[in-house]
Every structure is written in structure tokens, then in C-alpha cells.
Amino acid sequence: MKIKLVFFGKQKSSSIDDLIQEYIKRTNKYINCEVSYLLVNDQDPIKKKKKEFSKFSDMINKDDRVFLLDDRGKQYDSLSFSAKLSQCIDLGVKRIVLVVGGAYGFSEEMYKFSNEQIALSKLTLTHEIARLFISEQIYRAITIINNHPYHHE
């Protein structure tokens, strides 16, 4: 199985990007994980969402499992999130795609296209912090699955 993180918009902070890359590097010791930044330049939020969906749908395979990180989604703790990833592995999912949207959220097409929405927190997070947060949680989940002592109970 592979994990793909798709981040809409560019990374503004190199120090946060360095931390994200560190977690991706650690995760890659267990499972293939990569990050893609999806950039769309359009000032009109409606047009921008449509262009984002078009670019995104071009990079997705029909058998991918797509999770949108969205405040309206289901909340997981670290153990249940790792169980969710483990379930995908057990079901033979070839690739999980986790998506952090842009400043205006996701288009309706994105919601229809996704398999599930996941809320990282009830708190409002910046997109950069959400990117770092999910990168660390993926690493944590994979270490839980592999019985590595990173996660403490």
C-alpha cells in the first residue's frame, strides 16, 4: 500500500515543510508515502475550486481511497486512525490519498468524489499546521501498526 498526501496551495513556511518532510522520511521506512502540492492560481474562489478538482481528479486512480481532511468529518484518536489505515491495508487498498484543502475548502465535486471526510480537530487549524499534523499522525499510525514504541499508551 502507498499513502499520498495532497496539499492544495504552496507551503509558506520552510521550517514547517522541513518537519513534514522529516515525518514523510520516517514513514517511508515502513510504507511508501509521498507529498504533492496542487497549485491553482485563480482569484475567484468558485473557479479555483473547480480547477482544483479538475487537477486533483487527474492525479487519482479509480481504486484509490480518498479522505478529505475537513472540519465536518469524523474525528479519530490516534489508535482508531491507525486501525482505519490497518483496515485499508487488510482490504488490499493500493493507495490512500489524504487531502488538505485550500483556504476556501473543497468543492461539492470533491466531497462527492471522496470516500470519507476526516476532522483533525474541533479547533480551527491553519492549512500549514493541518499538513504537519496529518504527516505526524500518519507516522504515528504506521508505527502503531508495526508495534514500534513511538506511540505511548
C-alpha atoms as a PDB file:
ATOM      1  CA  MET A   1       0.000   0.000   0.000  1.00  0.00           C
ATOM      2  CA  LYS A   2       1.013   3.603  -0.596  1.00  0.00           C
ATOM      3  CA  ILE A   3      -0.037   6.837   1.057  1.00  0.00           C
ATOM      4  CA  LYS A   4      -0.260  10.076  -0.896  1.00  0.00           C
ATOM      5  CA  LEU A   5      -0.751  13.433   0.773  1.00  0.00           C
ATOM      6  CA  VAL A   6      -2.192  16.132  -1.462  1.00  0.00           C
ATOM      7  CA  PHE A   7      -1.872  19.687  -0.202  1.00  0.00           C
ATOM      8  CA  PHE A   8      -3.755  22.438  -2.054  1.00  0.00           C
ATOM      9  CA  GLY A   9      -1.650  25.594  -2.250  1.00  0.00           C
ATOM     10  CA  LYS A  10       2.026  26.173  -1.651  1.00  0.00           C
ATOM     11  CA  GLN A  11       3.891  25.762   1.602  1.00  0.00           C
ATOM     12  CA  LYS A  12       4.680  29.160   3.080  1.00  0.00           C
ATOM     13  CA  SER A  13       6.984  28.126   5.905  1.00  0.00           C
ATOM     14  CA  SER A  14      10.158  26.229   5.109  1.00  0.00           C
ATOM     15  CA  SER A  15      10.547  25.199   8.761  1.00  0.00           C
ATOM     16  CA  ILE A  16       7.119  23.525   8.769  1.00  0.00           C
ATOM     17  CA  ASP A  17       7.902  21.924   5.415  1.00  0.00           C
ATOM     18  CA  ASP A  18      11.147  20.557   6.892  1.00  0.00           C
ATOM     19  CA  LEU A  19       9.166  18.921   9.711  1.00  0.00           C
ATOM     20  CA  ILE A  20       6.653  17.464   7.254  1.00  0.00           C
ATOM     21  CA  GLN A  21       9.495  16.031   5.179  1.00  0.00           C
ATOM     22  CA  GLU A  22      11.052  14.524   8.304  1.00  0.00           C
ATOM     23  CA  TYR A  23       7.823  12.656   9.112  1.00  0.00           C
ATOM     24  CA  ILE A  24       7.490  11.512   5.497  1.00  0.00           C
ATOM     25  CA  LYS A  25      11.075  10.227   5.608  1.00  0.00           C
ATOM     26  CA  ARG A  26      10.365   8.330   8.842  1.00  0.00           C
ATOM     27  CA  THR A  27       7.118   6.902   7.431  1.00  0.00           C
ATOM     28  CA  ASN A  28       8.921   5.708   4.300  1.00  0.00           C
ATOM     29  CA  LYS A  29      10.896   3.260   6.448  1.00  0.00           C
ATOM     30  CA  TYR A  30       7.618   1.312   6.788  1.00  0.00           C
ATOM     31  CA  ILE A  31       5.415   2.229   3.847  1.00  0.00           C
ATOM     32  CA  ASN A  32       5.690   4.331   0.683  1.00  0.00           C
ATOM     33  CA  CYS A  33       4.482   7.861   1.438  1.00  0.00           C
ATOM     34  CA  GLU A  34       4.693  10.973  -0.735  1.00  0.00           C
ATOM     35  CA  VAL A  35       3.507  14.572  -0.786  1.00  0.00           C
ATOM     36  CA  SER A  36       2.136  16.525  -3.741  1.00  0.00           C
ATOM     37  CA  TYR A  37       1.350  20.227  -3.750  1.00  0.00           C
ATOM     38  CA  LEU A  38      -1.530  21.154  -6.019  1.00  0.00           C
ATOM     39  CA  LEU A  39      -1.292  24.789  -7.106  1.00  0.00           C
ATOM     40  CA  VAL A  40      -4.063  26.723  -8.850  1.00  0.00           C
ATOM     41  CA  ASN A  41      -3.865  30.454  -9.471  1.00  0.00           C
ATOM     42  CA  ASP A  42      -7.321  31.978  -9.658  1.00  0.00           C
ATOM     43  CA  GLN A  43      -8.742  34.784  -7.530  1.00  0.00           C
ATOM     44  CA  ASP A  44     -12.348  33.634  -7.934  1.00  0.00           C
ATOM     45  CA  PRO A  45     -12.987  31.037  -5.172  1.00  0.00           C
ATOM     46  CA  ILE A  46     -15.642  29.152  -7.198  1.00  0.00           C
ATOM     47  CA  LYS A  47     -13.468  28.895 -10.311  1.00  0.00           C
ATOM     48  CA  LYS A  48     -10.470  27.991  -8.174  1.00  0.00           C
ATOM     49  CA  LYS A  49     -12.340  25.068  -6.538  1.00  0.00           C
ATOM     50  CA  LYS A  50     -13.410  23.754  -9.956  1.00  0.00           C
ATOM     51  CA  LYS A  51      -9.850  23.968 -11.296  1.00  0.00           C
ATOM     52  CA  GLU A  52      -8.527  22.273  -8.156  1.00  0.00           C
ATOM     53  CA  PHE A  53     -10.984  19.416  -8.595  1.00  0.00           C
ATOM     54  CA  SER A  54     -10.033  19.030 -12.248  1.00  0.00           C
ATOM     55  CA  LYS A  55      -6.297  18.858 -11.436  1.00  0.00           C
ATOM     56  CA  PHE A  56      -6.931  16.572  -8.469  1.00  0.00           C
ATOM     57  CA  SER A  57      -9.124  14.117 -10.362  1.00  0.00           C
ATOM     58  CA  ASP A  58      -6.377  13.786 -12.997  1.00  0.00           C
ATOM     59  CA  MET A  59      -3.926  12.530 -10.352  1.00  0.00           C
ATOM     60  CA  ILE A  60      -6.261   9.973  -8.749  1.00  0.00           C
ATOM     61  CA  ASN A  61      -6.728   6.339  -9.721  1.00  0.00           C
ATOM     62  CA  LYS A  62     -10.203   4.811  -9.661  1.00  0.00           C
ATOM     63  CA  ASP A  63      -9.263   2.357  -6.899  1.00  0.00           C
ATOM     64  CA  ASP A  64      -7.674   4.969  -4.582  1.00  0.00           C
ATOM     65  CA  ARG A  65      -9.266   5.521  -1.179  1.00  0.00           C
ATOM     66  CA  VAL A  66      -9.683   9.314  -0.842  1.00  0.00           C
ATOM     67  CA  PHE A  67     -10.014  11.050   2.527  1.00  0.00           C
ATOM     68  CA  LEU A  68     -10.667  14.796   2.715  1.00  0.00           C
ATOM     69  CA  LEU A  69      -9.392  16.484   5.855  1.00  0.00           C
ATOM     70  CA  ASP A  70     -12.385  18.605   6.705  1.00  0.00           C
ATOM     71  CA  ASP A  71     -13.805  20.032   9.925  1.00  0.00           C
ATOM     72  CA  ARG A  72     -17.179  18.393   9.126  1.00  0.00           C
ATOM     73  CA  GLY A  73     -15.593  14.944   9.039  1.00  0.00           C
ATOM     74  CA  LYS A  74     -15.368  12.133  11.534  1.00  0.00           C
ATOM     75  CA  GLN A  75     -12.861  12.530  14.342  1.00  0.00           C
ATOM     76  CA  TYR A  76     -10.433   9.747  15.215  1.00  0.00           C
ATOM     77  CA  ASP A  77      -7.963   9.344  18.030  1.00  0.00           C
ATOM     78  CA  SER A  78      -4.511   8.019  17.131  1.00  0.00           C
ATOM     79  CA  LEU A  79      -5.398   4.376  17.811  1.00  0.00           C
ATOM     80  CA  SER A  80      -8.618   4.427  15.809  1.00  0.00           C
ATOM     81  CA  PHE A  81      -6.882   6.275  12.950  1.00  0.00           C
ATOM     82  CA  SER A  82      -4.189   3.596  12.876  1.00  0.00           C
ATOM     83  CA  ALA A  83      -6.962   0.970  12.881  1.00  0.00           C
ATOM     84  CA  LYS A  84      -8.533   2.769   9.896  1.00  0.00           C
ATOM     85  CA  LEU A  85      -5.246   2.603   7.971  1.00  0.00           C
ATOM     86  CA  SER A  86      -4.749  -1.017   9.016  1.00  0.00           C
ATOM     87  CA  GLN A  87      -8.228  -1.844   7.742  1.00  0.00           C
ATOM     88  CA  CYS A  88      -7.345  -0.318   4.369  1.00  0.00           C
ATOM     89  CA  ILE A  89      -4.184  -2.441   4.273  1.00  0.00           C
ATOM     90  CA  ASP A  90      -6.202  -5.573   5.146  1.00  0.00           C
ATOM     91  CA  LEU A  91      -8.746  -4.784   2.409  1.00  0.00           C
ATOM     92  CA  GLY A  92      -5.961  -4.566  -0.162  1.00  0.00           C
ATOM     93  CA  VAL A  93      -6.308  -0.836  -0.861  1.00  0.00           C
ATOM     94  CA  LYS A  94      -3.393   0.040  -3.131  1.00  0.00           C
ATOM     95  CA  ARG A  95      -3.241   3.749  -2.269  1.00  0.00           C
ATOM     96  CA  ILE A  96      -4.739   6.023   0.352  1.00  0.00           C
ATOM     97  CA  VAL A  97      -4.951   9.696  -0.580  1.00  0.00           C
ATOM     98  CA  LEU A  98      -5.350  12.256   2.208  1.00  0.00           C
ATOM     99  CA  VAL A  99      -6.188  15.783   1.073  1.00  0.00           C
ATOM    100  CA  VAL A 100      -5.737  19.114   2.860  1.00  0.00           C
ATOM    101  CA  GLY A 101      -7.772  21.751   1.028  1.00  0.00           C
ATOM    102  CA  GLY A 102      -7.149  25.396   0.350  1.00  0.00           C
ATOM    103  CA  ALA A 103      -8.399  28.494   2.136  1.00  0.00           C
ATOM    104  CA  TYR A 104     -11.907  28.126   0.661  1.00  0.00           C
ATOM    105  CA  GLY A 105     -12.357  24.455   1.452  1.00  0.00           C
ATOM    106  CA  PHE A 106     -13.471  21.848  -1.062  1.00  0.00           C
ATOM    107  CA  SER A 107     -15.879  21.957  -3.974  1.00  0.00           C
ATOM    108  CA  GLU A 108     -19.026  19.839  -3.881  1.00  0.00           C
ATOM    109  CA  GLU A 109     -17.410  17.643  -6.559  1.00  0.00           C
ATOM    110  CA  MET A 110     -14.552  16.905  -4.151  1.00  0.00           C
ATOM    111  CA  TYR A 111     -16.982  15.829  -1.435  1.00  0.00           C
ATOM    112  CA  LYS A 112     -18.812  13.538  -3.850  1.00  0.00           C
ATOM    113  CA  PHE A 113     -15.524  12.153  -5.174  1.00  0.00           C
ATOM    114  CA  SER A 114     -14.116  11.311  -1.725  1.00  0.00           C
ATOM    115  CA  ASN A 115     -14.726   8.163   0.284  1.00  0.00           C
ATOM    116  CA  GLU A 116     -14.764   9.892   3.649  1.00  0.00           C
ATOM    117  CA  GLN A 117     -14.071  13.147   5.458  1.00  0.00           C
ATOM    118  CA  ILE A 118     -11.806  13.207   8.489  1.00  0.00           C
ATOM    119  CA  ALA A 119     -11.695  16.056  11.024  1.00  0.00           C
ATOM    120  CA  LEU A 120      -8.295  16.586  12.595  1.00  0.00           C
ATOM    121  CA  SER A 121      -9.668  18.694  15.434  1.00  0.00           C
ATOM    122  CA  LYS A 122     -12.635  20.746  16.518  1.00  0.00           C
ATOM    123  CA  LEU A 123     -10.188  23.641  16.717  1.00  0.00           C
ATOM    124  CA  THR A 124      -9.525  25.743  13.640  1.00  0.00           C
ATOM    125  CA  LEU A 125      -6.069  24.942  12.268  1.00  0.00           C
ATOM    126  CA  THR A 126      -4.079  26.783   9.632  1.00  0.00           C
ATOM    127  CA  HIS A 127      -3.510  24.746   6.494  1.00  0.00           C
ATOM    128  CA  GLU A 128       0.187  24.521   7.271  1.00  0.00           C
ATOM    129  CA  ILE A 129      -0.439  23.168  10.764  1.00  0.00           C
ATOM    130  CA  ALA A 130      -3.030  20.718   9.382  1.00  0.00           C
ATOM    131  CA  ARG A 131      -0.406  19.471   6.907  1.00  0.00           C
ATOM    132  CA  LEU A 132       2.132  18.933   9.678  1.00  0.00           C
ATOM    133  CA  PHE A 133      -0.478  17.373  11.961  1.00  0.00           C
ATOM    134  CA  ILE A 134      -1.593  14.753   9.411  1.00  0.00           C
ATOM    135  CA  SER A 135       2.021  13.984   8.460  1.00  0.00           C
ATOM    136  CA  GLU A 136       2.853  13.218  12.086  1.00  0.00           C
ATOM    137  CA  GLN A 137      -0.356  11.233  12.611  1.00  0.00           C
ATOM    138  CA  ILE A 138       0.363   9.051   9.589  1.00  0.00           C
ATOM    139  CA  TYR A 139       3.797   8.295  11.002  1.00  0.00           C
ATOM    140  CA  ARG A 140       2.263   7.585  14.424  1.00  0.00           C
ATOM    141  CA  ALA A 141      -0.390   5.294  12.893  1.00  0.00           C
ATOM    142  CA  ILE A 142       2.175   3.333  10.905  1.00  0.00           C
ATOM    143  CA  THR A 143       4.378   2.882  13.979  1.00  0.00           C
ATOM    144  CA  ILE A 144       1.348   1.662  15.956  1.00  0.00           C
ATOM    145  CA  ILE A 145       0.565  -0.854  13.204  1.00  0.00           C
ATOM    146  CA  ASN A 146       4.215  -2.021  13.269  1.00  0.00           C
ATOM    147  CA  ASN A 147       4.425  -2.217  17.089  1.00  0.00           C
ATOM    148  CA  HIS A 148       7.105   0.467  17.225  1.00  0.00           C
ATOM    149  CA  PRO A 149       7.343   2.226  20.632  1.00  0.00           C
ATOM    150  CA  TYR A 150       6.862   5.783  19.224  1.00  0.00           C
ATOM    151  CA  HIS A 151       3.260   5.909  20.492  1.00  0.00           C
ATOM    152  CA  HIS A 152       2.836   5.663  24.292  1.00  0.00           C
ATOM    153  CA  GLU A 153      -0.335   4.420  25.937  1.00  0.00           C
END
